[in-house]
C-alpha atoms as a PDB file:
ATOM      1  CA  MET A   1     221.561  52.186 -22.919  1.00  0.00           C
ATOM      2  CA  MET A   2     218.355  50.872 -24.676  1.00  0.00           C
ATOM      3  CA  VAL A   3     215.957  48.163 -22.342  1.00  0.00           C
ATOM      4  CA  LYS A   4     214.530  45.514 -23.878  1.00  0.00           C
ATOM      5  CA  LEU A   5     210.488  45.194 -22.592  1.00  0.00           C
ATOM      6  CA  THR A   6     210.718  41.208 -21.248  1.00  0.00           C
ATOM      7  CA  GLU A   7     208.093  39.352 -23.584  1.00  0.00           C
ATOM      8  CA  GLN A   8     205.345  39.635 -21.259  1.00  0.00           C
ATOM      9  CA  GLU A   9     206.012  43.274 -21.656  1.00  0.00           C
ATOM     10  CA  ARG A  10     205.108  43.322 -25.132  1.00  0.00           C
ATOM     11  CA  GLU A  11     202.211  41.238 -24.789  1.00  0.00           C
ATOM     12  CA  VAL A  12     200.939  43.737 -22.523  1.00  0.00           C
ATOM     13  CA  TRP A  13     200.839  46.135 -24.782  1.00  0.00           C
ATOM     14  CA  LYS A  14     199.800  44.505 -28.209  1.00  0.00           C
ATOM     15  CA  ASP A  15     196.652  43.446 -25.352  1.00  0.00           C
ATOM     16  CA  ALA A  16     196.195  46.833 -24.705  1.00  0.00           C
ATOM     17  CA  TYR A  17     196.551  48.141 -28.478  1.00  0.00           C
ATOM     18  CA  LYS A  18     194.003  45.782 -29.265  1.00  0.00           C
ATOM     19  CA  LEU A  19     191.505  46.801 -26.332  1.00  0.00           C
ATOM     20  CA  HIS A  20     191.365  49.723 -27.599  1.00  0.00           C
ATOM     21  CA  GLU A  21     191.394  49.750 -31.215  1.00  0.00           C
ATOM     22  CA  THR A  22     188.210  47.384 -30.298  1.00  0.00           C
ATOM     23  CA  PHE A  23     185.997  49.130 -28.556  1.00  0.00           C
ATOM     24  CA  TYR A  24     187.393  52.814 -30.976  1.00  0.00           C
ATOM     25  CA  ASP A  25     183.652  53.179 -31.350  1.00  0.00           C
ATOM     26  CA  MET A  26     182.136  51.551 -29.475  1.00  0.00           C
ATOM     27  CA  ALA A  27     178.484  53.535 -28.296  1.00  0.00           C
ATOM     28  CA  GLY A  28     178.935  53.645 -24.060  1.00  0.00           C
ATOM     29  CA  THR A  29     175.664  51.373 -23.904  1.00  0.00           C
ATOM     30  CA  GLU A  30     175.571  48.985 -20.599  1.00  0.00           C
ATOM     31  CA  GLU A  31     176.304  46.157 -22.650  1.00  0.00           C
ATOM     32  CA  ASP A  32     179.326  47.797 -23.931  1.00  0.00           C
ATOM     33  CA  TRP A  33     180.762  48.580 -20.616  1.00  0.00           C
ATOM     34  CA  LYS A  34     180.101  45.360 -19.567  1.00  0.00           C
ATOM     35  CA  GLN A  35     182.443  43.721 -22.470  1.00  0.00           C
ATOM     36  CA  PHE A  36     184.961  46.099 -22.596  1.00  0.00           C
ATOM     37  CA  ILE A  37     185.165  45.921 -18.290  1.00  0.00           C
ATOM     38  CA  LEU A  38     185.343  41.391 -18.994  1.00  0.00           C
ATOM     39  CA  ASN A  39     188.339  42.590 -21.226  1.00  0.00           C
ATOM     40  CA  ILE A  40     190.072  44.001 -18.843  1.00  0.00           C
ATOM     41  CA  THR A  41     189.458  41.666 -15.922  1.00  0.00           C
ATOM     42  CA  LEU A  42     190.519  38.766 -18.008  1.00  0.00           C
ATOM     43  CA  ILE A  43     193.809  41.039 -20.108  1.00  0.00           C
ATOM     44  CA  ASN A  44     194.768  41.499 -16.900  1.00  0.00           C
ATOM     45  CA  ASN A  45     194.271  38.192 -14.787  1.00  0.00           C
ATOM     46  CA  LYS A  46     196.451  37.380 -17.992  1.00  0.00           C
ATOM     47  CA  TYR A  47     199.255  38.411 -16.037  1.00  0.00           C
ATOM     48  CA  GLU A  48     198.796  36.625 -12.581  1.00  0.00           C
ATOM     49  CA  ASN A  49     202.576  35.327 -12.671  1.00  0.00           C
ATOM     50  CA  SER A  50     204.487  38.362 -12.760  1.00  0.00           C
ATOM     51  CA  PRO A  51     204.189  41.376 -10.669  1.00  0.00           C
ATOM     52  CA  LYS A  52     206.259  43.866 -13.535  1.00  0.00           C
ATOM     53  CA  ALA A  53     203.641  42.711 -15.826  1.00  0.00           C
ATOM     54  CA  LYS A  54     200.683  42.949 -13.988  1.00  0.00           C
ATOM     55  CA  ARG A  55     201.978  46.695 -13.329  1.00  0.00           C
ATOM     56  CA  LEU A  56     202.134  47.658 -16.341  1.00  0.00           C
ATOM     57  CA  SER A  57     199.092  45.481 -17.525  1.00  0.00           C
ATOM     58  CA  PHE A  58     197.031  47.127 -14.958  1.00  0.00           C
ATOM     59  CA  ALA A  59     198.303  51.035 -15.418  1.00  0.00           C
ATOM     60  CA  LEU A  60     197.261  50.893 -19.079  1.00  0.00           C
ATOM     61  CA  LEU A  61     194.088  49.279 -19.098  1.00  0.00           C
ATOM     62  CA  LEU A  62     193.122  51.862 -16.005  1.00  0.00           C
ATOM     63  CA  ALA A  63     194.647  54.840 -18.876  1.00  0.00           C
ATOM     64  CA  LEU A  64     192.115  52.658 -21.610  1.00  0.00           C
ATOM     65  CA  CYS A  65     189.230  52.793 -18.832  1.00  0.00           C
ATOM     66  CA  ASN A  66     189.655  56.956 -18.201  1.00  0.00           C
ATOM     67  CA  TYR A  67     190.292  57.401 -21.786  1.00  0.00           C
ATOM     68  CA  PHE A  68     187.122  55.916 -22.840  1.00  0.00           C
ATOM     69  CA  GLU A  69     184.759  57.456 -20.138  1.00  0.00           C
ATOM     70  CA  GLU A  70     186.296  60.644 -21.041  1.00  0.00           C
ATOM     71  CA  GLU A  71     185.255  60.260 -24.424  1.00  0.00           C
ATOM     72  CA  GLN A  72     181.613  58.850 -23.517  1.00  0.00           C
ATOM     73  CA  LYS A  73     180.842  61.990 -21.741  1.00  0.00           C
ATOM     74  CA  ILE A  74     182.186  64.505 -24.482  1.00  0.00           C
ATOM     75  CA  ALA A  75     180.286  62.196 -27.083  1.00  0.00           C
ATOM     76  CA  GLN A  76     177.029  62.759 -23.975  1.00  0.00           C
ATOM     77  CA  ALA A  77     177.847  66.526 -24.530  1.00  0.00           C
ATOM     78  CA  LYS A  78     177.726  66.609 -27.638  1.00  0.00           C
ATOM     79  CA  THR A  79     174.947  65.311 -28.060  1.00  0.00           C
ATOM     80  CA  GLN A  80     172.749  67.363 -25.353  1.00  0.00           C
ATOM     81  CA  ASP A  81     173.707  70.403 -26.656  1.00  0.00           C
ATOM     82  CA  ALA A  82     172.468  70.219 -29.724  1.00  0.00           C
ATOM     83  CA  PRO A  83     169.856  72.016 -30.759  1.00  0.00           C
ATOM     84  CA  GLU A  84     166.348  70.704 -30.658  1.00  0.00           C
ATOM     85  CA  GLN A  85     163.752  70.984 -33.278  1.00  0.00           C
ATOM     86  CA  LEU A  86     160.848  72.463 -32.706  1.00  0.00           C
ATOM     87  CA  ALA A  87     157.922  72.721 -34.320  1.00  0.00           C
ATOM     88  CA  MET A  88     154.783  74.814 -34.006  1.00  0.00           C
ATOM     89  CA  ALA A  89     151.571  73.448 -33.505  1.00  0.00           C
ATOM     90  CA  GLU A  90     149.051  73.119 -36.329  1.00  0.00           C
ATOM     91  CA  VAL A  91     146.142  75.097 -34.424  1.00  0.00           C
ATOM     92  CA  ILE A  92     147.086  77.990 -33.188  1.00  0.00           C
ATOM     93  CA  PRO A  93     144.838  78.391 -30.408  1.00  0.00           C
ATOM     94  CA  TRP A  94     144.007  81.828 -30.752  1.00  0.00           C
ATOM     95  CA  THR A  95     142.152  81.702 -33.968  1.00  0.00           C
END
């Protein structure tokens, strides 16, 4: 038996997809995160009148938030682990 989603539930999935696509390659700046959280708030508030859609929205948006947080940690770790280029001083003090 196949259960069909309500239109609001379909809309939740669409909103989550759009959010993921919009912030897919964000740099992770403070402004990026502020915009991301603002979008999450707007999307979640959109479903105030439908408890089931709101729960789905909250769960999907929280999952996206966790995903992007993990992606930022991975990107930061790569940057921190990257080798540094060192240069020798032009004048060697003991010569």
